[in-house]
PDB file of N, CA and C in Angstrom:
ATOM      1  N   UNK A   1       5.254  19.346 -19.042  1.00  0.00           N
ATOM      2  CA  UNK A   1       5.043  17.985 -18.572  1.00  0.00           C
ATOM      3  C   UNK A   1       5.702  17.845 -17.216  1.00  0.00           C
ATOM      4  N   UNK A   2       5.143  17.016 -16.395  1.00  0.00           N
ATOM      5  CA  UNK A   2       5.618  16.830 -15.031  1.00  0.00           C
ATOM      6  C   UNK A   2       6.882  15.975 -14.982  1.00  0.00           C
ATOM      7  N   UNK A   3       7.658  16.190 -13.953  1.00  0.00           N
ATOM      8  CA  UNK A   3       8.837  15.369 -13.701  1.00  0.00           C
ATOM      9  C   UNK A   3       8.410  14.147 -12.898  1.00  0.00           C
ATOM     10  N   UNK A   4       8.837  12.973 -13.330  1.00  0.00           N
ATOM     11  CA  UNK A   4       8.515  11.722 -12.657  1.00  0.00           C
ATOM     12  C   UNK A   4       9.808  11.138 -12.110  1.00  0.00           C
ATOM     13  N   UNK A   5       9.787  10.773 -10.851  1.00  0.00           N
ATOM     14  CA  UNK A   5      10.967  10.225 -10.190  1.00  0.00           C
ATOM     15  C   UNK A   5      10.676   8.783  -9.829  1.00  0.00           C
ATOM     16  N   UNK A   6      11.559   7.867 -10.262  1.00  0.00           N
ATOM     17  CA  UNK A   6      11.398   6.443  -9.987  1.00  0.00           C
ATOM     18  C   UNK A   6      12.576   5.932  -9.176  1.00  0.00           C
ATOM     19  N   UNK A   7      12.296   4.920  -8.356  1.00  0.00           N
ATOM     20  CA  UNK A   7      13.339   4.308  -7.531  1.00  0.00           C
ATOM     21  C   UNK A   7      13.248   2.795  -7.661  1.00  0.00           C
ATOM     22  N   UNK A   8      14.407   2.149  -7.883  1.00  0.00           N
ATOM     23  CA  UNK A   8      14.474   0.697  -7.901  1.00  0.00           C
ATOM     24  C   UNK A   8      14.534   0.200  -6.466  1.00  0.00           C
ATOM     25  N   UNK A   9      13.674  -0.764  -6.163  1.00  0.00           N
ATOM     26  CA  UNK A   9      13.606  -1.325  -4.826  1.00  0.00           C
ATOM     27  C   UNK A   9      13.994  -2.793  -4.857  1.00  0.00           C
ATOM     28  N   UNK A  10      13.912  -3.438  -3.738  1.00  0.00           N
ATOM     29  CA  UNK A  10      14.253  -4.849  -3.588  1.00  0.00           C
ATOM     30  C   UNK A  10      13.341  -5.723  -4.462  1.00  0.00           C
ATOM     31  N   UNK A  11      13.876  -6.851  -4.959  1.00  0.00           N
ATOM     32  CA  UNK A  11      13.124  -7.848  -5.726  1.00  0.00           C
ATOM     33  C   UNK A  11      12.530  -7.309  -7.024  1.00  0.00           C
ATOM     34  N   UNK A  12      13.265  -6.452  -7.700  1.00  0.00           N
ATOM     35  CA  UNK A  12      12.853  -5.891  -8.994  1.00  0.00           C
ATOM     36  C   UNK A  12      11.530  -5.134  -8.913  1.00  0.00           C
ATOM     37  N   UNK A  13      11.329  -4.459  -7.826  1.00  0.00           N
ATOM     38  CA  UNK A  13      10.166  -3.585  -7.667  1.00  0.00           C
ATOM     39  C   UNK A  13      10.613  -2.147  -7.900  1.00  0.00           C
ATOM     40  N   UNK A  14       9.692  -1.317  -8.368  1.00  0.00           N
ATOM     41  CA  UNK A  14       9.985   0.102  -8.508  1.00  0.00           C
ATOM     42  C   UNK A  14       8.858   0.902  -7.869  1.00  0.00           C
ATOM     43  N   UNK A  15       9.161   2.131  -7.514  1.00  0.00           N
ATOM     44  CA  UNK A  15       8.133   3.069  -7.081  1.00  0.00           C
ATOM     45  C   UNK A  15       8.409   4.387  -7.784  1.00  0.00           C
ATOM     46  N   UNK A  16       7.360   4.999  -8.256  1.00  0.00           N
ATOM     47  CA  UNK A  16       7.498   6.261  -8.971  1.00  0.00           C
ATOM     48  C   UNK A  16       6.436   7.242  -8.546  1.00  0.00           C
ATOM     49  N   UNK A  17       6.802   8.509  -8.620  1.00  0.00           N
ATOM     50  CA  UNK A  17       5.823   9.537  -8.264  1.00  0.00           C
ATOM     51  C   UNK A  17       6.151  10.831  -8.980  1.00  0.00           C
ATOM     52  N   UNK A  18       5.131  11.658  -9.105  1.00  0.00           N
ATOM     53  CA  UNK A  18       5.328  12.995  -9.638  1.00  0.00           C
ATOM     54  C   UNK A  18       6.129  13.787  -8.623  1.00  0.00           C
ATOM     55  N   UNK A  19       7.095  14.549  -9.090  1.00  0.00           N
ATOM     56  CA  UNK A  19       7.906  15.358  -8.187  1.00  0.00           C
ATOM     57  C   UNK A  19       7.000  16.268  -7.355  1.00  0.00           C
ATOM     58  N   UNK A  20       7.206  16.225  -6.057  1.00  0.00           N
ATOM     59  CA  UNK A  20       6.444  17.081  -5.150  1.00  0.00           C
ATOM     60  C   UNK A  20       5.074  16.552  -4.776  1.00  0.00           C
ATOM     61  N   UNK A  21       4.713  15.377  -5.228  1.00  0.00           N
ATOM     62  CA  UNK A  21       3.401  14.799  -4.925  1.00  0.00           C
ATOM     63  C   UNK A  21       3.571  13.581  -4.031  1.00  0.00           C
ATOM     64  N   UNK A  22       2.499  13.147  -3.392  1.00  0.00           N
ATOM     65  CA  UNK A  22       2.562  12.030  -2.461  1.00  0.00           C
ATOM     66  C   UNK A  22       2.152  10.691  -3.066  1.00  0.00           C
ATOM     67  N   UNK A  23       1.338  10.709  -4.105  1.00  0.00           N
ATOM     68  CA  UNK A  23       0.841   9.475  -4.696  1.00  0.00           C
ATOM     69  C   UNK A  23       1.975   8.692  -5.351  1.00  0.00           C
ATOM     70  N   UNK A  24       1.988   7.375  -5.151  1.00  0.00           N
ATOM     71  CA  UNK A  24       3.059   6.523  -5.656  1.00  0.00           C
ATOM     72  C   UNK A  24       2.475   5.449  -6.566  1.00  0.00           C
ATOM     73  N   UNK A  25       3.154   5.214  -7.690  1.00  0.00           N
ATOM     74  CA  UNK A  25       2.828   4.115  -8.590  1.00  0.00           C
ATOM     75  C   UNK A  25       3.937   3.091  -8.444  1.00  0.00           C
ATOM     76  N   UNK A  26       3.555   1.858  -8.147  1.00  0.00           N
ATOM     77  CA  UNK A  26       4.542   0.805  -7.946  1.00  0.00           C
ATOM     78  C   UNK A  26       4.451  -0.214  -9.076  1.00  0.00           C
ATOM     79  N   UNK A  27       5.598  -0.824  -9.385  1.00  0.00           N
ATOM     80  CA  UNK A  27       5.620  -1.944 -10.307  1.00  0.00           C
ATOM     81  C   UNK A  27       6.327  -3.105  -9.634  1.00  0.00           C
ATOM     82  N   UNK A  28       6.055  -4.294 -10.133  1.00  0.00           N
ATOM     83  CA  UNK A  28       6.720  -5.496  -9.630  1.00  0.00           C
ATOM     84  C   UNK A  28       6.915  -6.436 -10.797  1.00  0.00           C
ATOM     85  N   UNK A  29       7.996  -7.180 -10.761  1.00  0.00           N
ATOM     86  CA  UNK A  29       8.288  -8.107 -11.844  1.00  0.00           C
ATOM     87  C   UNK A  29       8.176  -9.555 -11.385  1.00  0.00           C
ATOM     88  N   UNK A  30       8.698  -9.854 -10.218  1.00  0.00           N
ATOM     89  CA  UNK A  30       8.710 -11.232  -9.721  1.00  0.00           C
ATOM     90  C   UNK A  30       7.381 -11.615  -9.085  1.00  0.00           C
ATOM     91  N   UNK A  31       7.002 -12.865  -9.268  1.00  0.00           N
ATOM     92  CA  UNK A  31       5.798 -13.402  -8.627  1.00  0.00           C
ATOM     93  C   UNK A  31       6.149 -13.853  -7.218  1.00  0.00           C
ATOM     94  N   UNK A  32       5.262 -13.865  -6.269  1.00  0.00           N
ATOM     95  CA  UNK A  32       3.902 -13.327  -6.363  1.00  0.00           C
ATOM     96  C   UNK A  32       3.948 -11.799  -6.298  1.00  0.00           C
ATOM     97  N   UNK A  33       2.998 -11.174  -6.945  1.00  0.00           N
ATOM     98  CA  UNK A  33       2.980  -9.719  -6.977  1.00  0.00           C
ATOM     99  C   UNK A  33       1.553  -9.208  -7.003  1.00  0.00           C
ATOM    100  N   UNK A  34       1.390  -8.004  -6.531  1.00  0.00           N
ATOM    101  CA  UNK A  34       0.095  -7.327  -6.588  1.00  0.00           C
ATOM    102  C   UNK A  34       0.131  -6.156  -7.558  1.00  0.00           C
ATOM    103  N   UNK A  35       1.318  -5.650  -7.844  1.00  0.00           N
ATOM    104  CA  UNK A  35       1.461  -4.482  -8.715  1.00  0.00           C
ATOM    105  C   UNK A  35       1.700  -4.917 -10.157  1.00  0.00           C
ATOM    106  N   UNK A  36       1.411  -4.017 -11.083  1.00  0.00           N
ATOM    107  CA  UNK A  36       1.633  -4.299 -12.496  1.00  0.00           C
ATOM    108  C   UNK A  36       3.125  -4.347 -12.791  1.00  0.00           C
ATOM    109  N   UNK A  37       3.490  -5.132 -13.813  1.00  0.00           N
ATOM    110  CA  UNK A  37       4.865  -5.064 -14.291  1.00  0.00           C
ATOM    111  C   UNK A  37       4.951  -3.904 -15.286  1.00  0.00           C
ATOM    112  N   UNK A  38       6.148  -3.495 -15.713  1.00  0.00           N
ATOM    113  CA  UNK A  38       6.246  -2.340 -16.606  1.00  0.00           C
ATOM    114  C   UNK A  38       5.451  -2.471 -17.906  1.00  0.00           C
ATOM    115  N   UNK A  39       5.410  -3.656 -18.516  1.00  0.00           N
ATOM    116  CA  UNK A  39       4.619  -3.833 -19.732  1.00  0.00           C
ATOM    117  C   UNK A  39       3.135  -3.653 -19.477  1.00  0.00           C
ATOM    118  N   UNK A  40       2.667  -4.160 -18.354  1.00  0.00           N
ATOM    119  CA  UNK A  40       1.259  -3.975 -17.973  1.00  0.00           C
ATOM    120  C   UNK A  40       0.969  -2.513 -17.672  1.00  0.00           C
ATOM    121  N   UNK A  41       1.946  -1.829 -17.094  1.00  0.00           N
ATOM    122  CA  UNK A  41       1.779  -0.407 -16.815  1.00  0.00           C
ATOM    123  C   UNK A  41       1.668   0.388 -18.114  1.00  0.00           C
ATOM    124  N   UNK A  42       2.410  -0.037 -19.144  1.00  0.00           N
ATOM    125  CA  UNK A  42       2.283   0.598 -20.456  1.00  0.00           C
ATOM    126  C   UNK A  42       0.875   0.384 -21.015  1.00  0.00           C
ATOM    127  N   UNK A  43       0.350  -0.821 -20.885  1.00  0.00           N
ATOM    128  CA  UNK A  43      -1.024  -1.097 -21.325  1.00  0.00           C
ATOM    129  C   UNK A  43      -2.008  -0.230 -20.541  1.00  0.00           C
ATOM    130  N   UNK A  44      -1.765  -0.087 -19.242  1.00  0.00           N
ATOM    131  CA  UNK A  44      -2.615   0.756 -18.403  1.00  0.00           C
ATOM    132  C   UNK A  44      -2.572   2.212 -18.870  1.00  0.00           C
ATOM    133  N   UNK A  45      -1.377   2.697 -19.206  1.00  0.00           N
ATOM    134  CA  UNK A  45      -1.236   4.071 -19.686  1.00  0.00           C
ATOM    135  C   UNK A  45      -2.000   4.271 -20.990  1.00  0.00           C
ATOM    136  N   UNK A  46      -1.907   3.290 -21.885  1.00  0.00           N
ATOM    137  CA  UNK A  46      -2.636   3.371 -23.150  1.00  0.00           C
ATOM    138  C   UNK A  46      -4.137   3.396 -22.891  1.00  0.00           C
ATOM    139  N   UNK A  47      -4.618   2.496 -22.049  1.00  0.00           N
ATOM    140  CA  UNK A  47      -6.051   2.459 -21.757  1.00  0.00           C
ATOM    141  C   UNK A  47      -6.541   3.726 -21.075  1.00  0.00           C
ATOM    142  N   UNK A  48      -5.763   4.236 -20.129  1.00  0.00           N
ATOM    143  CA  UNK A  48      -6.153   5.469 -19.439  1.00  0.00           C
ATOM    144  C   UNK A  48      -6.210   6.641 -20.405  1.00  0.00           C
ATOM    145  N   UNK A  49      -5.250   6.703 -21.319  1.00  0.00           N
ATOM    146  CA  UNK A  49      -5.227   7.772 -22.311  1.00  0.00           C
ATOM    147  C   UNK A  49      -6.434   7.666 -23.246  1.00  0.00           C
ATOM    148  N   UNK A  50      -6.745   6.450 -23.681  1.00  0.00           N
ATOM    149  CA  UNK A  50      -7.895   6.244 -24.573  1.00  0.00           C
ATOM    150  C   UNK A  50      -9.204   6.631 -23.886  1.00  0.00           C
ATOM    151  N   UNK A  51      -9.363   6.217 -22.632  1.00  0.00           N
ATOM    152  CA  UNK A  51     -10.588   6.562 -21.899  1.00  0.00           C
ATOM    153  C   UNK A  51     -10.690   8.063 -21.656  1.00  0.00           C
ATOM    154  N   UNK A  52      -9.557   8.702 -21.390  1.00  0.00           N
ATOM    155  CA  UNK A  52      -9.564  10.157 -21.205  1.00  0.00           C
ATOM    156  C   UNK A  52     -10.004  10.854 -22.482  1.00  0.00           C
ATOM    157  N   UNK A  53      -9.527  10.375 -23.627  1.00  0.00           N
ATOM    158  CA  UNK A  53      -9.929  10.959 -24.907  1.00  0.00           C
ATOM    159  C   UNK A  53     -11.427  10.778 -25.127  1.00  0.00           C
ATOM    160  N   UNK A  54     -11.943   9.597 -24.833  1.00  0.00           N
ATOM    161  CA  UNK A  54     -13.382   9.340 -24.969  1.00  0.00           C
ATOM    162  C   UNK A  54     -14.165  10.289 -24.066  1.00  0.00           C
ATOM    163  N   UNK A  55     -13.742  10.417 -22.809  1.00  0.00           N
ATOM    164  CA  UNK A  55     -14.434  11.310 -21.878  1.00  0.00           C
ATOM    165  C   UNK A  55     -14.393  12.761 -22.314  1.00  0.00           C
ATOM    166  N   UNK A  56     -13.252  13.192 -22.821  1.00  0.00           N
ATOM    167  CA  UNK A  56     -13.106  14.564 -23.304  1.00  0.00           C
ATOM    168  C   UNK A  56     -14.068  14.845 -24.453  1.00  0.00           C
ATOM    169  N   UNK A  57     -14.101  13.935 -25.427  1.00  0.00           N
ATOM    170  CA  UNK A  57     -14.977  14.137 -26.586  1.00  0.00           C
ATOM    171  C   UNK A  57     -16.448  14.048 -26.200  1.00  0.00           C
ATOM    172  N   UNK A  58     -16.777  13.135 -25.291  1.00  0.00           N
ATOM    173  CA  UNK A  58     -18.174  13.012 -24.849  1.00  0.00           C
ATOM    174  C   UNK A  58     -18.638  14.289 -24.166  1.00  0.00           C
ATOM    175  N   UNK A  59     -17.766  14.892 -23.359  1.00  0.00           N
ATOM    176  CA  UNK A  59     -18.130  16.146 -22.687  1.00  0.00           C
ATOM    177  C   UNK A  59     -18.403  17.240 -23.708  1.00  0.00           C
ATOM    178  N   UNK A  60     -17.590  17.301 -24.749  1.00  0.00           N
ATOM    179  CA  UNK A  60     -17.795  18.307 -25.805  1.00  0.00           C
ATOM    180  C   UNK A  60     -19.093  18.064 -26.564  1.00  0.00           C
ATOM    181  N   UNK A  61     -19.487  16.797 -26.688  1.00  0.00           N
ATOM    182  CA  UNK A  61     -20.705  16.448 -27.425  1.00  0.00           C
ATOM    183  C   UNK A  61     -21.936  16.412 -26.538  1.00  0.00           C
ATOM    184  N   UNK A  62     -21.761  16.584 -25.222  1.00  0.00           N
ATOM    185  CA  UNK A  62     -22.883  16.538 -24.294  1.00  0.00           C
ATOM    186  C   UNK A  62     -23.436  15.137 -24.093  1.00  0.00           C
ATOM    187  N   UNK A  63     -22.578  14.128 -24.227  1.00  0.00           N
ATOM    188  CA  UNK A  63     -23.009  12.737 -24.070  1.00  0.00           C
ATOM    189  C   UNK A  63     -22.389  12.135 -22.818  1.00  0.00           C
ATOM    190  N   UNK A  64     -23.055  11.142 -22.263  1.00  0.00           N
ATOM    191  CA  UNK A  64     -22.596  10.482 -21.041  1.00  0.00           C
ATOM    192  C   UNK A  64     -21.915   9.165 -21.381  1.00  0.00           C
ATOM    193  N   UNK A  65     -20.664   9.032 -20.978  1.00  0.00           N
ATOM    194  CA  UNK A  65     -19.931   7.787 -21.232  1.00  0.00           C
ATOM    195  C   UNK A  65     -19.274   7.246 -19.960  1.00  0.00           C
ATOM    196  N   UNK A  66     -19.612   7.839 -18.807  1.00  0.00           N
ATOM    197  CA  UNK A  66     -19.046   7.340 -17.554  1.00  0.00           C
ATOM    198  C   UNK A  66     -19.396   5.869 -17.399  1.00  0.00           C
ATOM    199  N   UNK A  67     -18.447   5.108 -16.905  1.00  0.00           N
ATOM    200  CA  UNK A  67     -18.643   3.676 -16.773  1.00  0.00           C
ATOM    201  C   UNK A  67     -18.050   2.888 -17.930  1.00  0.00           C
ATOM    202  N   UNK A  68     -17.592   3.589 -18.979  1.00  0.00           N
ATOM    203  CA  UNK A  68     -16.921   2.905 -20.078  1.00  0.00           C
ATOM    204  C   UNK A  68     -15.662   2.245 -19.538  1.00  0.00           C
ATOM    205  N   UNK A  69     -15.409   1.023 -19.969  1.00  0.00           N
ATOM    206  CA  UNK A  69     -14.170   0.339 -19.603  1.00  0.00           C
ATOM    207  C   UNK A  69     -13.466  -0.112 -20.872  1.00  0.00           C
ATOM    208  N   UNK A  70     -12.180  -0.355 -20.737  1.00  0.00           N
ATOM    209  CA  UNK A  70     -11.400  -0.900 -21.840  1.00  0.00           C
ATOM    210  C   UNK A  70     -10.522  -2.006 -21.268  1.00  0.00           C
ATOM    211  N   UNK A  71     -10.469  -3.103 -21.986  1.00  0.00           N
ATOM    212  CA  UNK A  71      -9.615  -4.227 -21.622  1.00  0.00           C
ATOM    213  C   UNK A  71      -8.478  -4.292 -22.624  1.00  0.00           C
ATOM    214  N   UNK A  72      -7.246  -4.354 -22.117  1.00  0.00           N
ATOM    215  CA  UNK A  72      -6.070  -4.429 -22.983  1.00  0.00           C
ATOM    216  C   UNK A  72      -5.256  -5.659 -22.624  1.00  0.00           C
ATOM    217  N   UNK A  73      -4.817  -6.380 -23.656  1.00  0.00           N
ATOM    218  CA  UNK A  73      -3.963  -7.545 -23.455  1.00  0.00           C
ATOM    219  C   UNK A  73      -2.726  -7.350 -24.325  1.00  0.00           C
ATOM    220  N   UNK A  74      -1.555  -7.114 -23.697  1.00  0.00           N
ATOM    221  CA  UNK A  74      -0.344  -6.954 -24.498  1.00  0.00           C
ATOM    222  C   UNK A  74       0.167  -8.298 -25.003  1.00  0.00           C
ATOM    223  N   UNK A  75       0.698  -8.306 -26.223  1.00  0.00           N
ATOM    224  CA  UNK A  75       1.346  -9.496 -26.787  1.00  0.00           C
ATOM    225  C   UNK A  75       2.813  -9.157 -27.022  1.00  0.00           C
ATOM    226  N   UNK A  76       3.675 -10.083 -26.652  1.00  0.00           N
ATOM    227  CA  UNK A  76       5.114  -9.882 -26.765  1.00  0.00           C
ATOM    228  C   UNK A  76       5.670 -10.659 -27.956  1.00  0.00           C
ATOM    229  N   UNK A  77       6.859 -10.249 -28.413  1.00  0.00           N
ATOM    230  CA  UNK A  77       7.537 -11.004 -29.463  1.00  0.00           C
ATOM    231  C   UNK A  77       8.010 -12.343 -28.902  1.00  0.00           C
ATOM    232  N   UNK A  78       8.565 -13.183 -29.781  1.00  0.00           N
ATOM    233  CA  UNK A  78       8.940 -14.538 -29.376  1.00  0.00           C
ATOM    234  C   UNK A  78      10.029 -14.559 -28.314  1.00  0.00           C
ATOM    235  N   UNK A  79      10.853 -13.528 -28.249  1.00  0.00           N
ATOM    236  CA  UNK A  79      11.903 -13.464 -27.224  1.00  0.00           C
ATOM    237  C   UNK A  79      11.433 -12.767 -25.951  1.00  0.00           C
ATOM    238  N   UNK A  80      10.223 -12.277 -25.983  1.00  0.00           N
ATOM    239  CA  UNK A  80       9.641 -11.542 -24.853  1.00  0.00           C
ATOM    240  C   UNK A  80      10.472 -10.295 -24.521  1.00  0.00           C
ATOM    241  N   UNK A  81      10.979  -9.653 -25.586  1.00  0.00           N
ATOM    242  CA  UNK A  81      11.794  -8.462 -25.386  1.00  0.00           C
ATOM    243  C   UNK A  81      11.087  -7.168 -25.763  1.00  0.00           C
ATOM    244  N   UNK A  82       9.921  -7.274 -26.416  1.00  0.00           N
ATOM    245  CA  UNK A  82       9.156  -6.069 -26.716  1.00  0.00           C
ATOM    246  C   UNK A  82       7.693  -6.409 -26.941  1.00  0.00           C
ATOM    247  N   UNK A  83       6.848  -5.453 -26.665  1.00  0.00           N
ATOM    248  CA  UNK A  83       5.414  -5.595 -26.938  1.00  0.00           C
ATOM    249  C   UNK A  83       5.204  -5.313 -28.416  1.00  0.00           C
ATOM    250  N   UNK A  84       4.502  -6.212 -29.100  1.00  0.00           N
ATOM    251  CA  UNK A  84       4.266  -6.043 -30.536  1.00  0.00           C
ATOM    252  C   UNK A  84       2.829  -5.655 -30.849  1.00  0.00           C
ATOM    253  N   UNK A  85       1.922  -5.914 -29.909  1.00  0.00           N
ATOM    254  CA  UNK A  85       0.534  -5.539 -30.156  1.00  0.00           C
ATOM    255  C   UNK A  85      -0.246  -5.506 -28.846  1.00  0.00           C
ATOM    256  N   UNK A  86      -1.387  -4.869 -28.916  1.00  0.00           N
ATOM    257  CA  UNK A  86      -2.357  -4.863 -27.826  1.00  0.00           C
ATOM    258  C   UNK A  86      -3.699  -5.282 -28.394  1.00  0.00           C
ATOM    259  N   UNK A  87      -4.360  -6.224 -27.765  1.00  0.00           N
ATOM    260  CA  UNK A  87      -5.763  -6.498 -28.068  1.00  0.00           C
ATOM    261  C   UNK A  87      -6.570  -5.526 -27.210  1.00  0.00           C
ATOM    262  N   UNK A  88      -7.402  -4.726 -27.846  1.00  0.00           N
ATOM    263  CA  UNK A  88      -8.148  -3.672 -27.151  1.00  0.00           C
ATOM    264  C   UNK A  88      -9.637  -3.924 -27.339  1.00  0.00           C
ATOM    265  N   UNK A  89     -10.367  -3.979 -26.227  1.00  0.00           N
ATOM    266  CA  UNK A  89     -11.815  -4.176 -26.274  1.00  0.00           C
ATOM    267  C   UNK A  89     -12.490  -3.127 -25.399  1.00  0.00           C
ATOM    268  N   UNK A  90     -13.378  -2.351 -26.005  1.00  0.00           N
ATOM    269  CA  UNK A  90     -14.135  -1.347 -25.249  1.00  0.00           C
ATOM    270  C   UNK A  90     -15.468  -1.945 -24.803  1.00  0.00           C
ATOM    271  N   UNK A  91     -15.910  -1.536 -23.632  1.00  0.00           N
ATOM    272  CA  UNK A  91     -17.212  -1.911 -23.084  1.00  0.00           C
ATOM    273  C   UNK A  91     -17.909  -0.611 -22.711  1.00  0.00           C
ATOM    274  N   UNK A  92     -18.893  -0.242 -23.516  1.00  0.00           N
ATOM    275  CA  UNK A  92     -19.587   1.029 -23.317  1.00  0.00           C
ATOM    276  C   UNK A  92     -20.856   0.825 -22.502  1.00  0.00           C
ATOM    277  N   UNK A  93     -21.299   1.875 -21.806  1.00  0.00           N
ATOM    278  CA  UNK A  93     -22.530   1.763 -21.028  1.00  0.00           C
ATOM    279  C   UNK A  93     -23.751   1.570 -21.921  1.00  0.00           C
ATOM    280  N   UNK A  94     -24.779   1.014 -21.325  1.00  0.00           N
ATOM    281  CA  UNK A  94     -26.058   0.843 -22.030  1.00  0.00           C
ATOM    282  C   UNK A  94     -26.546   2.206 -22.523  1.00  0.00           C
ATOM    283  N   UNK A  95     -27.242   2.194 -23.616  1.00  0.00           N
ATOM    284  CA  UNK A  95     -27.857   3.415 -24.115  1.00  0.00           C
ATOM    285  C   UNK A  95     -27.096   4.101 -25.235  1.00  0.00           C
ATOM    286  N   UNK A  96     -25.854   3.736 -25.445  1.00  0.00           N
ATOM    287  CA  UNK A  96     -25.132   4.314 -26.577  1.00  0.00           C
ATOM    288  C   UNK A  96     -25.445   3.525 -27.840  1.00  0.00           C
ATOM    289  N   UNK A  97     -25.640   4.232 -28.934  1.00  0.00           N
ATOM    290  CA  UNK A  97     -25.898   3.570 -30.215  1.00  0.00           C
ATOM    291  C   UNK A  97     -24.605   2.945 -30.733  1.00  0.00           C
ATOM    292  N   UNK A  98     -24.728   2.063 -31.706  1.00  0.00           N
ATOM    293  CA  UNK A  98     -23.535   1.467 -32.311  1.00  0.00           C
ATOM    294  C   UNK A  98     -22.689   2.537 -32.985  1.00  0.00           C
ATOM    295  N   UNK A  99     -23.338   3.533 -33.583  1.00  0.00           N
ATOM    296  CA  UNK A  99     -22.600   4.623 -34.222  1.00  0.00           C
ATOM    297  C   UNK A  99     -21.781   5.402 -33.192  1.00  0.00           C
ATOM    298  N   UNK A 100     -22.354   5.659 -32.019  1.00  0.00           N
ATOM    299  CA  UNK A 100     -21.614   6.343 -30.959  1.00  0.00           C
ATOM    300  C   UNK A 100     -20.439   5.487 -30.483  1.00  0.00           C
ATOM    301  N   UNK A 101     -20.683   4.209 -30.270  1.00  0.00           N
ATOM    302  CA  UNK A 101     -19.614   3.307 -29.827  1.00  0.00           C
ATOM    303  C   UNK A 101     -18.478   3.279 -30.844  1.00  0.00           C
ATOM    304  N   UNK A 102     -18.818   3.187 -32.124  1.00  0.00           N
ATOM    305  CA  UNK A 102     -17.802   3.169 -33.174  1.00  0.00           C
ATOM    306  C   UNK A 102     -17.022   4.483 -33.197  1.00  0.00           C
ATOM    307  N   UNK A 103     -17.739   5.601 -33.045  1.00  0.00           N
ATOM    308  CA  UNK A 103     -17.089   6.912 -33.025  1.00  0.00           C
ATOM    309  C   UNK A 103     -16.072   6.997 -31.890  1.00  0.00           C
ATOM    310  N   UNK A 104     -16.488   6.617 -30.679  1.00  0.00           N
ATOM    311  CA  UNK A 104     -15.597   6.731 -29.524  1.00  0.00           C
ATOM    312  C   UNK A 104     -14.423   5.752 -29.601  1.00  0.00           C
ATOM    313  N   UNK A 105     -14.661   4.553 -30.086  1.00  0.00           N
ATOM    314  CA  UNK A 105     -13.569   3.585 -30.219  1.00  0.00           C
ATOM    315  C   UNK A 105     -12.535   4.092 -31.223  1.00  0.00           C
ATOM    316  N   UNK A 106     -12.978   4.656 -32.315  1.00  0.00           N
ATOM    317  CA  UNK A 106     -12.054   5.204 -33.314  1.00  0.00           C
ATOM    318  C   UNK A 106     -11.356   6.449 -32.772  1.00  0.00           C
ATOM    319  N   UNK A 107     -12.097   7.310 -32.096  1.00  0.00           N
ATOM    320  CA  UNK A 107     -11.525   8.541 -31.547  1.00  0.00           C
ATOM    321  C   UNK A 107     -10.452   8.242 -30.501  1.00  0.00           C
ATOM    322  N   UNK A 108     -10.607   7.144 -29.767  1.00  0.00           N
ATOM    323  CA  UNK A 108      -9.634   6.772 -28.737  1.00  0.00           C
ATOM    324  C   UNK A 108      -8.251   6.563 -29.343  1.00  0.00           C
ATOM    325  N   UNK A 109      -8.201   6.187 -30.615  1.00  0.00           N
ATOM    326  CA  UNK A 109      -6.924   5.949 -31.278  1.00  0.00           C
ATOM    327  C   UNK A 109      -6.150   7.234 -31.544  1.00  0.00           C
ATOM    328  N   UNK A 110      -6.751   8.384 -31.258  1.00  0.00           N
ATOM    329  CA  UNK A 110      -6.046   9.658 -31.453  1.00  0.00           C
ATOM    330  C   UNK A 110      -5.406  10.163 -30.166  1.00  0.00           C
ATOM    331  N   UNK A 111      -5.438   9.362 -29.103  1.00  0.00           N
ATOM    332  CA  UNK A 111      -4.839   9.812 -27.841  1.00  0.00           C
ATOM    333  C   UNK A 111      -3.315   9.851 -27.977  1.00  0.00           C
ATOM    334  N   UNK A 112      -2.634  10.682 -27.193  1.00  0.00           N
ATOM    335  CA  UNK A 112      -1.177  10.822 -27.313  1.00  0.00           C
ATOM    336  C   UNK A 112      -0.387   9.532 -27.108  1.00  0.00           C
ATOM    337  N   UNK A 113      -0.798   8.678 -26.197  1.00  0.00           N
ATOM    338  CA  UNK A 113      -0.048   7.441 -25.984  1.00  0.00           C
ATOM    339  C   UNK A 113      -0.182   6.540 -27.208  1.00  0.00           C
ATOM    340  N   UNK A 114      -1.393   6.407 -27.738  1.00  0.00           N
ATOM    341  CA  UNK A 114      -1.580   5.608 -28.957  1.00  0.00           C
ATOM    342  C   UNK A 114      -0.769   6.192 -30.103  1.00  0.00           C
ATOM    343  N   UNK A 115      -0.777   7.517 -30.248  1.00  0.00           N
ATOM    344  CA  UNK A 115      -0.005   8.140 -31.326  1.00  0.00           C
ATOM    345  C   UNK A 115       1.482   7.892 -31.172  1.00  0.00           C
ATOM    346  N   UNK A 116       1.958   7.759 -29.953  1.00  0.00           N
ATOM    347  CA  UNK A 116       3.371   7.486 -29.706  1.00  0.00           C
ATOM    348  C   UNK A 116       3.721   6.034 -30.067  1.00  0.00           C
ATOM    349  N   UNK A 117       2.801   5.125 -29.807  1.00  0.00           N
ATOM    350  CA  UNK A 117       3.067   3.708 -30.012  1.00  0.00           C
ATOM    351  C   UNK A 117       2.688   3.204 -31.395  1.00  0.00           C
ATOM    352  N   UNK A 118       1.874   3.920 -32.142  1.00  0.00           N
ATOM    353  CA  UNK A 118       1.222   3.360 -33.322  1.00  0.00           C
ATOM    354  C   UNK A 118       2.158   2.960 -34.452  1.00  0.00           C
ATOM    355  N   UNK A 119       3.335   3.511 -34.540  1.00  0.00           N
ATOM    356  CA  UNK A 119       4.225   3.165 -35.649  1.00  0.00           C
ATOM    357  C   UNK A 119       4.797   1.748 -35.524  1.00  0.00           C
ATOM    358  N   UNK A 120       5.037   1.307 -34.304  1.00  0.00           N
ATOM    359  CA  UNK A 120       5.708   0.018 -34.096  1.00  0.00           C
ATOM    360  C   UNK A 120       4.816  -1.064 -33.515  1.00  0.00           C
ATOM    361  N   UNK A 121       3.657  -0.700 -33.016  1.00  0.00           N
ATOM    362  CA  UNK A 121       2.820  -1.641 -32.291  1.00  0.00           C
ATOM    363  C   UNK A 121       1.424  -1.630 -32.898  1.00  0.00           C
ATOM    364  N   UNK A 122       0.854  -2.816 -33.116  1.00  0.00           N
ATOM    365  CA  UNK A 122      -0.509  -2.879 -33.654  1.00  0.00           C
ATOM    366  C   UNK A 122      -1.499  -3.013 -32.533  1.00  0.00           C
TER     367      UNK A 122
END
């Protein structure tokens, strides 16, 4: 696994990058902001992992799923100290059967990020 280096910046912003790489992922907490906050970044990681799993399986099956999107909405506990659930909605391209959509939506739950979160988060 790659080494990730993060730096705390002014106004509760962070920047992170893979060691030795140029691409930077930024987070922001205070409004106004353009970057995701850490909780949103976690939702993004979950969605990216799920879509990658769908793409991987589709390639193995010889099916086209490019253009699939997923919408995630994190829900926090009453103290806003932890994420307790994600509402997840997949939007598949035209032409996929309901059986294919159901297969890919279920298969997405086997991605590593989902497997890491599944014990504590619905």
